[in-house]
Amino acid sequence: MNSGTDLLNTLLMILSIGILARVILSFIDPFARNSISKIIFDLTEPVVGPIRRLVPPLGGTIDLSPMIALFLIQILREMINRGT
């Protein structure tokens, strides 16, 4: 692999970890009152927000957008890794 793909893979992994942290924090601090929660929310919202607009929460409470985002990130990482 080259440094460009390594960097992109690393950034996508960090984004995945951020989305997982967001999911966990949504149970602990659902209104993002903590500064760490706000930072994680702000960093992941550009990815999760558009997906949420396309796939609204089920029953108004179950948000599938983080799971879909993680799935799409994994597909993107696989495409990048196969291209090298």
N, C-alpha and C. Protein backbone atom coordinates (compact mmCIF):
# COMPACT_ATOMS: atom_id res chain seq x y z
N MET A 1 0.84 -1.19 0.00
CA MET A 1 0.00 0.00 0.00
C MET A 1 0.87 1.24 0.00
N ASN A 2 0.30 2.31 -0.46
CA ASN A 2 1.04 3.56 -0.43
C ASN A 2 0.54 4.45 0.71
N SER A 3 1.24 5.55 0.90
CA SER A 3 0.91 6.39 2.05
C SER A 3 -0.48 7.03 1.93
N GLY A 4 -0.94 7.31 0.71
CA GLY A 4 -2.27 7.89 0.51
C GLY A 4 -3.38 6.94 0.94
N THR A 5 -3.25 5.68 0.56
CA THR A 5 -4.27 4.70 0.95
C THR A 5 -4.20 4.41 2.44
N ASP A 6 -2.98 4.38 2.96
CA ASP A 6 -2.83 4.17 4.41
C ASP A 6 -3.49 5.30 5.19
N LEU A 7 -3.28 6.53 4.74
CA LEU A 7 -3.88 7.68 5.41
C LEU A 7 -5.40 7.63 5.33
N LEU A 8 -5.92 7.33 4.16
CA LEU A 8 -7.37 7.25 3.99
C LEU A 8 -7.97 6.13 4.84
N ASN A 9 -7.30 4.99 4.86
CA ASN A 9 -7.76 3.88 5.70
C ASN A 9 -7.77 4.27 7.17
N THR A 10 -6.73 4.97 7.61
CA THR A 10 -6.65 5.41 9.00
C THR A 10 -7.77 6.39 9.33
N LEU A 11 -8.01 7.33 8.43
CA LEU A 11 -9.09 8.31 8.66
C LEU A 11 -10.46 7.63 8.71
N LEU A 12 -10.67 6.66 7.85
CA LEU A 12 -11.94 5.94 7.86
C LEU A 12 -12.10 5.09 9.13
N MET A 13 -10.99 4.55 9.62
CA MET A 13 -11.03 3.78 10.87
C MET A 13 -11.35 4.71 12.05
N ILE A 14 -10.74 5.89 12.07
CA ILE A 14 -11.01 6.86 13.13
C ILE A 14 -12.48 7.29 13.08
N LEU A 15 -13.00 7.50 11.88
CA LEU A 15 -14.41 7.85 11.73
C LEU A 15 -15.31 6.74 12.24
N SER A 16 -14.96 5.50 11.95
CA SER A 16 -15.74 4.36 12.44
C SER A 16 -15.74 4.31 13.96
N ILE A 17 -14.58 4.53 14.56
CA ILE A 17 -14.49 4.54 16.02
C ILE A 17 -15.32 5.69 16.58
N GLY A 18 -15.28 6.84 15.91
CA GLY A 18 -16.09 7.97 16.35
C GLY A 18 -17.58 7.68 16.31
N ILE A 19 -18.01 7.00 15.27
CA ILE A 19 -19.43 6.65 15.15
C ILE A 19 -19.81 5.64 16.24
N LEU A 20 -18.95 4.67 16.50
CA LEU A 20 -19.23 3.72 17.59
C LEU A 20 -19.28 4.44 18.94
N ALA A 21 -18.37 5.38 19.15
CA ALA A 21 -18.38 6.16 20.39
C ALA A 21 -19.66 6.97 20.50
N ARG A 22 -20.11 7.50 19.36
CA ARG A 22 -21.36 8.27 19.35
C ARG A 22 -22.54 7.41 19.78
N VAL A 23 -22.58 6.18 19.29
CA VAL A 23 -23.67 5.27 19.64
C VAL A 23 -23.64 4.98 21.14
N ILE A 24 -22.47 4.69 21.66
CA ILE A 24 -22.35 4.39 23.09
C ILE A 24 -22.72 5.62 23.92
N LEU A 25 -22.21 6.78 23.52
CA LEU A 25 -22.51 8.00 24.26
C LEU A 25 -23.99 8.39 24.18
N SER A 26 -24.67 7.96 23.14
CA SER A 26 -26.10 8.29 23.04
C SER A 26 -26.91 7.63 24.15
N PHE A 27 -26.38 6.55 24.71
CA PHE A 27 -27.05 5.91 25.85
C PHE A 27 -26.67 6.58 27.16
N ILE A 28 -25.42 7.05 27.24
CA ILE A 28 -24.92 7.67 28.47
C ILE A 28 -25.32 9.14 28.57
N ASP A 29 -25.13 9.88 27.48
CA ASP A 29 -25.37 11.32 27.45
C ASP A 29 -26.19 11.65 26.20
N PRO A 30 -27.48 11.33 26.20
CA PRO A 30 -28.29 11.45 24.97
C PRO A 30 -28.42 12.87 24.43
N PHE A 31 -28.23 13.88 25.25
CA PHE A 31 -28.38 15.26 24.78
C PHE A 31 -27.04 15.93 24.55
N ALA A 32 -25.96 15.18 24.57
CA ALA A 32 -24.60 15.66 24.30
C ALA A 32 -24.28 16.91 25.11
N ARG A 33 -24.44 16.82 26.42
CA ARG A 33 -24.12 17.95 27.29
C ARG A 33 -22.64 18.00 27.61
N ASN A 34 -21.96 16.88 27.56
CA ASN A 34 -20.54 16.79 27.83
C ASN A 34 -19.76 17.32 26.63
N SER A 35 -18.63 17.97 26.85
CA SER A 35 -17.85 18.53 25.74
C SER A 35 -17.30 17.44 24.82
N ILE A 36 -16.94 16.30 25.38
CA ILE A 36 -16.45 15.20 24.54
C ILE A 36 -17.58 14.67 23.66
N SER A 37 -18.77 14.56 24.23
CA SER A 37 -19.93 14.12 23.45
C SER A 37 -20.20 15.09 22.30
N LYS A 38 -20.11 16.38 22.58
CA LYS A 38 -20.34 17.39 21.54
C LYS A 38 -19.31 17.29 20.43
N ILE A 39 -18.05 17.08 20.78
CA ILE A 39 -17.00 16.96 19.77
C ILE A 39 -17.25 15.74 18.89
N ILE A 40 -17.55 14.60 19.50
CA ILE A 40 -17.80 13.38 18.73
C ILE A 40 -19.03 13.56 17.86
N PHE A 41 -20.08 14.19 18.39
CA PHE A 41 -21.29 14.44 17.61
C PHE A 41 -20.96 15.33 16.41
N ASP A 42 -20.21 16.41 16.64
CA ASP A 42 -19.87 17.34 15.56
C ASP A 42 -19.01 16.68 14.48
N LEU A 43 -18.12 15.78 14.87
CA LEU A 43 -17.25 15.12 13.90
C LEU A 43 -17.98 14.06 13.08
N THR A 44 -18.97 13.42 13.66
CA THR A 44 -19.65 12.33 12.96
C THR A 44 -20.95 12.76 12.27
N GLU A 45 -21.50 13.89 12.65
CA GLU A 45 -22.78 14.33 12.09
C GLU A 45 -22.74 14.52 10.57
N PRO A 46 -21.63 15.03 9.98
CA PRO A 46 -21.61 15.16 8.52
C PRO A 46 -21.79 13.83 7.78
N VAL A 47 -21.48 12.73 8.42
CA VAL A 47 -21.66 11.41 7.80
C VAL A 47 -23.02 10.83 8.15
N VAL A 48 -23.38 10.90 9.42
CA VAL A 48 -24.61 10.26 9.91
C VAL A 48 -25.85 11.08 9.54
N GLY A 49 -25.75 12.38 9.55
CA GLY A 49 -26.91 13.25 9.29
C GLY A 49 -27.58 13.02 7.95
N PRO A 50 -26.83 13.03 6.84
CA PRO A 50 -27.47 12.78 5.54
C PRO A 50 -28.13 11.41 5.43
N ILE A 51 -27.52 10.42 6.07
CA ILE A 51 -28.11 9.07 6.05
C ILE A 51 -29.42 9.09 6.83
N ARG A 52 -29.44 9.81 7.96
CA ARG A 52 -30.65 9.89 8.77
C ARG A 52 -31.79 10.57 8.00
N ARG A 53 -31.45 11.53 7.15
CA ARG A 53 -32.50 12.17 6.35
C ARG A 53 -33.08 11.21 5.32
N LEU A 54 -32.24 10.29 4.82
CA LEU A 54 -32.72 9.30 3.85
C LEU A 54 -33.46 8.15 4.52
N VAL A 55 -32.99 7.75 5.70
CA VAL A 55 -33.58 6.64 6.44
C VAL A 55 -33.96 7.15 7.83
N PRO A 56 -35.18 7.63 7.98
CA PRO A 56 -35.59 8.17 9.28
C PRO A 56 -35.62 7.07 10.35
N PRO A 57 -35.53 7.46 11.62
CA PRO A 57 -35.56 6.48 12.71
C PRO A 57 -36.83 5.62 12.67
N LEU A 58 -36.66 4.34 12.96
CA LEU A 58 -37.80 3.42 12.99
C LEU A 58 -38.64 3.70 14.23
N GLY A 59 -39.91 3.84 14.05
CA GLY A 59 -40.80 4.10 15.17
C GLY A 59 -40.50 5.42 15.86
N GLY A 60 -39.69 6.25 15.23
CA GLY A 60 -39.33 7.54 15.81
C GLY A 60 -38.23 7.48 16.85
N THR A 61 -37.76 6.27 17.20
CA THR A 61 -36.76 6.17 18.26
C THR A 61 -35.51 5.38 17.89
N ILE A 62 -35.61 4.41 17.02
CA ILE A 62 -34.46 3.55 16.69
C ILE A 62 -33.77 4.11 15.45
N ASP A 63 -32.59 4.68 15.67
CA ASP A 63 -31.83 5.32 14.60
C ASP A 63 -30.85 4.32 13.99
N LEU A 64 -31.11 3.95 12.75
CA LEU A 64 -30.24 3.00 12.06
C LEU A 64 -29.11 3.67 11.29
N SER A 65 -29.09 5.00 11.25
CA SER A 65 -28.10 5.69 10.44
C SER A 65 -26.65 5.41 10.85
N PRO A 66 -26.30 5.28 12.14
CA PRO A 66 -24.91 4.93 12.46
C PRO A 66 -24.52 3.55 11.93
N MET A 67 -25.43 2.59 12.01
CA MET A 67 -25.13 1.26 11.50
C MET A 67 -24.94 1.29 9.98
N ILE A 68 -25.78 2.03 9.29
CA ILE A 68 -25.65 2.15 7.84
C ILE A 68 -24.35 2.85 7.48
N ALA A 69 -23.99 3.90 8.24
CA ALA A 69 -22.74 4.62 8.00
C ALA A 69 -21.54 3.69 8.18
N LEU A 70 -21.55 2.90 9.24
CA LEU A 70 -20.45 1.95 9.46
C LEU A 70 -20.36 0.92 8.34
N PHE A 71 -21.50 0.47 7.87
CA PHE A 71 -21.54 -0.48 6.76
C PHE A 71 -20.94 0.14 5.50
N LEU A 72 -21.32 1.37 5.19
CA LEU A 72 -20.81 2.05 4.00
C LEU A 72 -19.32 2.36 4.12
N ILE A 73 -18.87 2.71 5.31
CA ILE A 73 -17.44 2.95 5.52
C ILE A 73 -16.66 1.66 5.30
N GLN A 74 -17.20 0.55 5.78
CA GLN A 74 -16.52 -0.74 5.59
C GLN A 74 -16.44 -1.10 4.11
N ILE A 75 -17.50 -0.87 3.37
CA ILE A 75 -17.48 -1.13 1.93
C ILE A 75 -16.43 -0.25 1.25
N LEU A 76 -16.38 1.01 1.63
CA LEU A 76 -15.39 1.93 1.06
C LEU A 76 -13.97 1.48 1.38
N ARG A 77 -13.74 1.04 2.59
CA ARG A 77 -12.40 0.56 2.97
C ARG A 77 -12.02 -0.69 2.16
N GLU A 78 -12.99 -1.58 1.95
CA GLU A 78 -12.71 -2.78 1.15
C GLU A 78 -12.38 -2.41 -0.29
N MET A 79 -13.10 -1.43 -0.84
CA MET A 79 -12.85 -0.99 -2.21
C MET A 79 -11.45 -0.38 -2.32
N ILE A 80 -11.06 0.39 -1.34
CA ILE A 80 -9.75 1.03 -1.34
C ILE A 80 -8.66 -0.04 -1.24
N ASN A 81 -8.86 -1.01 -0.36
CA ASN A 81 -7.85 -2.04 -0.17
C ASN A 81 -7.71 -2.95 -1.37
N ARG A 82 -8.79 -3.21 -2.07
CA ARG A 82 -8.71 -4.06 -3.28
C ARG A 82 -8.10 -3.33 -4.45
N GLY A 83 -8.19 -2.02 -4.44
CA GLY A 83 -7.64 -1.23 -5.54
C GLY A 83 -6.13 -1.09 -5.49
N THR A 84 -5.53 -1.49 -4.36
CA THR A 84 -4.06 -1.34 -4.25
C THR A 84 -3.35 -2.63 -4.48
